[in-house]
Amino acid sequence: MKTYIADGMLLITAIVWGSGFVITAIALEYLTAYQVMAGRFLIASIILTVLFGSRLKKASKSVIWKGALLGTILYIAFALQTVGLQYTTPSKNAFLTAVNVVIVPLIAYAVYKRRIDGYEIIGSLMAIIGIGFLSLQGSLTMNIGDALSLACAVAFAFDIFCTNLFVQKEDAIALTIIQFLTASFIGIFVVISQGEIPTSLEKEAIYSIIYLGIFSTTIAYLFQNVANQYTTATKAAIILSTESFFGMILSVIFLHEILTSRMVVGAVLILLAILIAEVKPAHPKKKLMKTIDNQTPK
């Protein structure tokens, strides 16, 4: 039962993250990208500190510097994603962001020299082709929004890799609090340094920031962290990768975005790349040998 609940929590997270692309696009009509990020991280930091602030009393220096590093990476990732959304569509932004699942194995190879298997290579190649279909214009150029969205995928990949590395020895919730506190501090500093402190806010902007802060940041990340305790990493990655589909669907429904057949082909290729890289279907012969081995009396 816990596994089913965990999978449900991950699916909710994917839906919320998918809706975040739409809500962010709405917020950008009234606020700058840096104001949006500062607002969402500030709200998340306040909520988490109120709920779990007691954990910070026991935070070690290791937790603090690791959380600060995660917060810096997270802010950079969201900055690339949010600014990129100003120059491209929410659906393209969503799918290009999802490429981070394919990039993570490449980072693991670079750090640990872990061999990349054939399925990961196939997934990476399919992702590159899919990006080409999705992003390259008639002149075979990629617009700035697509390039920033792709760079954001790399940043999110580093965030995922470092988070998985750090939570093995540290308190995940304490890390998350410090991560959000760091991201909000950077966000506020950037807004002040650029002279973008808002003097008035439209109600649409307020609603968007509240939604992003509560649902897309606080609840989504808490659901992800809790659910990962009761399901496998592969299944979690597959479920969470559907955020790009929900982002596309909700963009069409609420923003009336028009998708071309070329973009659909690119999106499908990227999703298949993600699934191949994560599921890594076993060769039939290997499956048979594994079954025989499991049935052999020990």
Protein backbone atom coordinates (compact mmCIF):
# COMPACT_ATOMS: atom_id res chain seq x y z
CA MET A 1 0.00 0.00 0.00
CA LYS A 2 2.87 2.38 0.81
CA THR A 3 4.31 1.76 -2.66
CA TYR A 4 1.03 2.70 -4.33
CA ILE A 5 0.74 5.82 -2.17
CA ALA A 6 4.34 6.77 -3.03
CA ASP A 7 3.67 6.33 -6.75
CA GLY A 8 0.56 8.47 -6.38
CA MET A 9 2.58 11.18 -4.65
CA LEU A 10 5.13 11.13 -7.46
CA LEU A 11 2.37 11.38 -10.06
CA ILE A 12 0.91 14.38 -8.21
CA THR A 13 4.38 15.91 -8.16
CA ALA A 14 4.72 15.40 -11.93
CA ILE A 15 1.32 17.01 -12.54
CA VAL A 16 2.16 19.96 -10.27
CA TRP A 17 5.54 20.45 -11.95
CA GLY A 18 3.87 20.23 -15.35
CA SER A 19 1.37 22.90 -14.31
CA GLY A 20 4.30 24.98 -13.06
CA PHE A 21 5.38 25.66 -16.65
CA VAL A 22 1.95 27.18 -17.36
CA ILE A 23 1.74 29.15 -14.10
CA THR A 24 5.28 30.48 -14.61
CA ALA A 25 4.36 31.63 -18.12
CA ILE A 26 1.39 33.52 -16.62
CA ALA A 27 3.55 35.01 -13.85
CA LEU A 28 6.07 36.27 -16.42
CA GLU A 29 3.36 38.47 -17.93
CA TYR A 30 3.43 40.59 -14.76
CA LEU A 31 6.85 39.95 -13.18
CA THR A 32 10.43 39.48 -14.28
CA ALA A 33 12.00 36.02 -14.18
CA TYR A 34 14.13 37.00 -11.17
CA GLN A 35 11.14 38.32 -9.23
CA VAL A 36 9.29 35.05 -9.85
CA MET A 37 12.18 32.96 -8.55
CA ALA A 38 12.78 35.12 -5.49
CA GLY A 39 9.10 34.96 -4.60
CA ARG A 40 8.67 31.20 -4.95
CA PHE A 41 11.85 30.35 -3.00
CA LEU A 42 11.06 32.87 -0.25
CA ILE A 43 7.59 31.37 0.27
CA ALA A 44 9.01 27.82 0.28
CA SER A 45 11.73 28.79 2.75
CA ILE A 46 9.24 30.36 5.17
CA ILE A 47 6.92 27.34 5.04
CA LEU A 48 9.69 24.75 5.52
CA THR A 49 11.35 26.76 8.29
CA VAL A 50 8.06 27.05 10.18
CA LEU A 51 7.30 23.32 9.78
CA PHE A 52 10.77 21.80 10.21
CA GLY A 53 12.94 24.62 11.57
CA SER A 54 13.87 22.56 14.63
CA ARG A 55 16.02 20.34 12.41
CA LEU A 56 18.34 23.29 11.72
CA LYS A 57 19.44 23.34 15.37
CA LYS A 58 21.25 20.04 14.81
CA ALA A 59 22.58 20.93 11.37
CA SER A 60 26.31 20.26 11.04
CA LYS A 61 28.78 22.28 8.97
CA SER A 62 28.60 19.50 6.40
CA VAL A 63 24.82 19.90 6.04
CA ILE A 64 25.17 23.67 5.77
CA TRP A 65 27.75 23.75 2.96
CA LYS A 66 26.10 20.91 1.07
CA GLY A 67 22.69 22.58 1.36
CA ALA A 68 24.20 25.89 0.24
CA LEU A 69 25.76 24.20 -2.79
CA LEU A 70 22.44 22.55 -3.69
CA GLY A 71 20.66 25.88 -3.30
CA THR A 72 23.12 27.61 -5.62
CA ILE A 73 22.76 24.89 -8.26
CA LEU A 74 18.97 24.92 -7.90
CA TYR A 75 18.79 28.69 -8.34
CA ILE A 76 20.97 28.54 -11.46
CA ALA A 77 18.77 25.77 -12.88
CA PHE A 78 15.55 27.68 -12.25
CA ALA A 79 17.10 30.92 -13.54
CA LEU A 80 17.98 29.25 -16.85
CA GLN A 81 14.55 27.62 -17.03
CA THR A 82 12.53 30.73 -16.13
CA VAL A 83 14.49 33.12 -18.34
CA GLY A 84 14.38 30.55 -21.15
CA LEU A 85 10.59 30.44 -20.84
CA GLN A 86 10.50 34.10 -21.85
CA TYR A 87 11.82 33.18 -25.30
CA THR A 88 10.27 29.78 -25.98
CA THR A 89 6.96 27.99 -25.42
CA PRO A 90 6.02 26.24 -22.14
CA SER A 91 5.77 22.83 -23.85
CA LYS A 92 9.23 23.07 -25.45
CA ASN A 93 10.63 24.37 -22.16
CA ALA A 94 9.10 21.38 -20.36
CA PHE A 95 10.44 18.74 -22.73
CA LEU A 96 13.94 20.21 -22.94
CA THR A 97 14.08 20.35 -19.13
CA ALA A 98 13.19 16.63 -19.00
CA VAL A 99 16.43 15.78 -20.80
CA ASN A 100 18.17 16.02 -17.41
CA VAL A 101 17.25 12.36 -16.79
CA VAL A 102 19.48 11.34 -19.69
CA ILE A 103 22.32 13.64 -18.62
CA VAL A 104 22.62 12.24 -15.08
CA PRO A 105 24.33 8.96 -16.21
CA LEU A 106 26.89 11.02 -18.14
CA ILE A 107 27.74 12.97 -14.99
CA ALA A 108 28.06 9.71 -13.04
CA TYR A 109 30.48 8.42 -15.68
CA ALA A 110 32.56 11.61 -15.54
CA VAL A 111 32.79 11.48 -11.73
CA TYR A 112 32.98 7.76 -11.01
CA LYS A 113 34.16 6.48 -14.43
CA ARG A 114 31.15 4.17 -14.38
CA ARG A 115 30.66 2.42 -17.70
CA ILE A 116 27.74 3.76 -19.74
CA ASP A 117 25.70 0.84 -21.08
CA GLY A 118 24.22 0.58 -24.56
CA TYR A 119 20.75 1.69 -23.52
CA GLU A 120 22.12 4.93 -22.06
CA ILE A 121 24.02 5.61 -25.30
CA ILE A 122 20.89 4.94 -27.37
CA GLY A 123 18.86 7.16 -25.04
CA SER A 124 21.37 10.00 -25.34
CA LEU A 125 21.41 9.80 -29.15
CA MET A 126 17.60 9.74 -29.30
CA ALA A 127 17.47 12.74 -26.98
CA ILE A 128 19.82 14.70 -29.23
CA ILE A 129 17.74 13.87 -32.31
CA GLY A 130 14.56 14.74 -30.42
CA ILE A 131 16.02 18.08 -29.35
CA GLY A 132 16.81 18.77 -32.98
CA PHE A 133 13.21 18.10 -34.06
CA LEU A 134 11.81 20.07 -31.17
CA SER A 135 14.09 23.09 -31.14
CA LEU A 136 15.93 23.66 -34.43
CA GLN A 137 14.23 26.18 -36.69
CA GLY A 138 14.10 26.11 -40.48
CA SER A 139 17.56 27.67 -40.64
CA LEU A 140 18.87 24.88 -38.37
CA THR A 141 19.40 27.33 -35.53
CA MET A 142 18.28 27.01 -31.93
CA ASN A 143 16.66 30.09 -30.39
CA ILE A 144 17.96 31.51 -27.13
CA GLY A 145 15.00 30.17 -25.15
CA ASP A 146 15.64 26.60 -26.29
CA ALA A 147 19.37 26.90 -25.54
CA LEU A 148 18.68 28.22 -22.03
CA SER A 149 16.13 25.45 -21.43
CA LEU A 150 18.69 22.84 -22.48
CA ALA A 151 21.32 24.41 -20.22
CA CYS A 152 18.75 24.28 -17.43
CA ALA A 153 18.45 20.51 -17.99
CA VAL A 154 22.20 20.18 -17.39
CA ALA A 155 21.93 22.22 -14.18
CA PHE A 156 18.99 20.12 -12.94
CA ALA A 157 20.98 16.98 -13.73
CA PHE A 158 23.78 18.21 -11.45
CA ASP A 159 21.19 19.04 -8.80
CA ILE A 160 19.76 15.50 -8.96
CA PHE A 161 23.22 13.92 -8.90
CA CYS A 162 24.45 15.99 -5.94
CA THR A 163 21.22 15.54 -4.01
CA ASN A 164 21.34 11.76 -4.38
CA LEU A 165 24.96 11.86 -3.24
CA PHE A 166 24.40 14.11 -0.22
CA VAL A 167 21.22 12.50 1.20
CA GLN A 168 23.10 9.24 1.73
CA LYS A 169 24.78 10.76 4.81
CA GLU A 170 22.79 13.90 5.66
CA ASP A 171 19.27 14.78 6.82
CA ALA A 172 17.27 15.26 3.62
CA ILE A 173 14.81 17.76 5.11
CA ALA A 174 17.56 19.88 6.71
CA LEU A 175 19.38 19.89 3.37
CA THR A 176 16.18 20.98 1.62
CA ILE A 177 15.57 23.85 4.05
CA ILE A 178 19.11 25.20 3.65
CA GLN A 179 18.86 24.66 -0.09
CA PHE A 180 15.72 26.82 -0.32
CA LEU A 181 17.09 29.42 2.12
CA THR A 182 20.19 29.75 -0.07
CA ALA A 183 18.14 29.96 -3.27
CA SER A 184 15.84 32.62 -1.75
CA PHE A 185 18.83 34.65 -0.49
CA ILE A 186 20.40 34.61 -3.96
CA GLY A 187 17.04 35.45 -5.52
CA ILE A 188 16.43 38.44 -3.24
CA PHE A 189 20.01 39.68 -3.75
CA VAL A 190 19.62 39.52 -7.55
CA VAL A 191 16.28 41.37 -7.46
CA ILE A 192 17.70 44.13 -5.23
CA SER A 193 20.94 44.45 -7.24
CA GLN A 194 18.97 44.88 -10.45
CA GLY A 195 16.56 47.36 -8.91
CA GLU A 196 13.55 45.14 -9.59
CA ILE A 197 11.82 45.44 -6.20
CA PRO A 198 8.10 45.55 -7.13
CA THR A 199 6.14 48.54 -5.80
CA SER A 200 2.76 46.99 -6.64
CA LEU A 201 1.51 43.57 -7.67
CA GLU A 202 -1.41 42.47 -9.81
CA LYS A 203 -3.59 39.80 -8.24
CA GLU A 204 -2.69 37.39 -11.06
CA ALA A 205 0.99 37.78 -10.18
CA ILE A 206 0.28 37.21 -6.48
CA TYR A 207 -1.76 34.07 -7.16
CA SER A 208 0.92 32.71 -9.49
CA ILE A 209 3.76 33.25 -6.99
CA ILE A 210 1.73 31.69 -4.16
CA TYR A 211 0.93 28.65 -6.32
CA LEU A 212 4.57 28.21 -7.37
CA GLY A 213 5.85 28.69 -3.82
CA ILE A 214 3.37 26.36 -2.10
CA PHE A 215 2.67 23.68 -4.68
CA SER A 216 5.47 23.62 -7.27
CA THR A 217 8.23 24.16 -4.71
CA THR A 218 7.29 23.20 -1.13
CA ILE A 219 4.75 20.39 -1.58
CA ALA A 220 6.27 18.96 -4.76
CA TYR A 221 9.76 18.64 -3.29
CA LEU A 222 8.44 17.22 0.01
CA PHE A 223 6.32 14.66 -1.86
CA GLN A 224 9.32 13.68 -3.96
CA ASN A 225 11.58 13.22 -0.94
CA VAL A 226 9.03 11.20 1.05
CA ALA A 227 7.93 9.03 -1.88
CA ASN A 228 11.51 8.07 -2.75
CA GLN A 229 11.67 6.14 0.52
CA TYR A 230 9.00 3.69 -0.65
CA THR A 231 9.67 3.18 -4.36
CA THR A 232 12.60 2.48 -6.65
CA ALA A 233 14.66 5.24 -8.20
CA THR A 234 13.89 3.95 -11.70
CA LYS A 235 10.14 3.98 -11.17
CA ALA A 236 10.35 7.43 -9.57
CA ALA A 237 12.31 8.81 -12.53
CA ILE A 238 9.81 7.39 -15.02
CA ILE A 239 6.81 8.84 -13.19
CA LEU A 240 8.44 12.24 -12.68
CA SER A 241 9.50 12.41 -16.34
CA THR A 242 5.79 12.67 -17.26
CA GLU A 243 5.89 16.29 -16.06
CA SER A 244 6.84 17.25 -19.62
CA PHE A 245 3.67 15.60 -20.97
CA PHE A 246 1.51 17.36 -18.40
CA GLY A 247 3.30 20.62 -19.19
CA MET A 248 2.48 20.23 -22.88
CA ILE A 249 -1.14 19.17 -22.29
CA LEU A 250 -1.85 22.00 -19.84
CA SER A 251 -0.17 24.52 -22.17
CA VAL A 252 -2.52 23.50 -24.96
CA ILE A 253 -5.58 23.59 -22.68
CA PHE A 254 -4.97 26.83 -20.80
CA LEU A 255 -2.58 28.82 -23.00
CA HIS A 256 -4.02 27.58 -26.32
CA GLU A 257 -0.52 26.74 -27.51
CA ILE A 258 -0.32 25.31 -31.03
CA LEU A 259 1.94 22.30 -31.47
CA THR A 260 3.40 21.35 -34.84
CA SER A 261 3.85 17.74 -35.94
CA ARG A 262 7.61 18.30 -35.88
CA MET A 263 7.46 19.34 -32.21
CA VAL A 264 5.34 16.30 -31.36
CA VAL A 265 7.88 13.98 -33.02
CA GLY A 266 10.70 15.63 -31.10
CA ALA A 267 8.79 15.38 -27.82
CA VAL A 268 8.04 11.68 -28.36
CA LEU A 269 11.70 10.93 -29.16
CA ILE A 270 12.86 12.72 -26.01
CA LEU A 271 10.34 10.85 -23.86
CA LEU A 272 11.41 7.51 -25.39
CA ALA A 273 15.03 8.45 -24.71
CA ILE A 274 14.20 9.09 -21.07
CA LEU A 275 12.33 5.78 -20.74
CA ILE A 276 15.10 3.78 -22.44
CA ALA A 277 17.80 5.39 -20.30
CA GLU A 278 15.88 4.70 -17.08
CA VAL A 279 14.12 1.37 -17.70
CA LYS A 280 17.02 -0.26 -19.60
CA PRO A 281 15.01 -3.30 -20.70
CA ALA A 282 16.95 -6.51 -20.16
CA HIS A 283 17.86 -8.79 -23.03
CA PRO A 284 15.45 -11.80 -23.18
CA LYS A 285 18.35 -14.21 -22.63
CA LYS A 286 19.48 -12.30 -19.57
CA LYS A 287 15.92 -12.32 -18.23
CA LEU A 288 15.72 -16.09 -18.70
CA MET A 289 19.06 -16.69 -16.96
CA LYS A 290 17.98 -14.43 -14.08
CA THR A 291 14.71 -16.36 -13.71
CA ILE A 292 16.52 -19.71 -13.69
CA ASP A 293 19.00 -18.41 -11.14
CA ASN A 294 16.20 -17.20 -8.88
CA GLN A 295 14.46 -20.58 -9.08
CA THR A 296 17.61 -22.55 -8.29
CA PRO A 297 17.64 -23.81 -4.65
CA LYS A 298 20.29 -22.02 -2.60
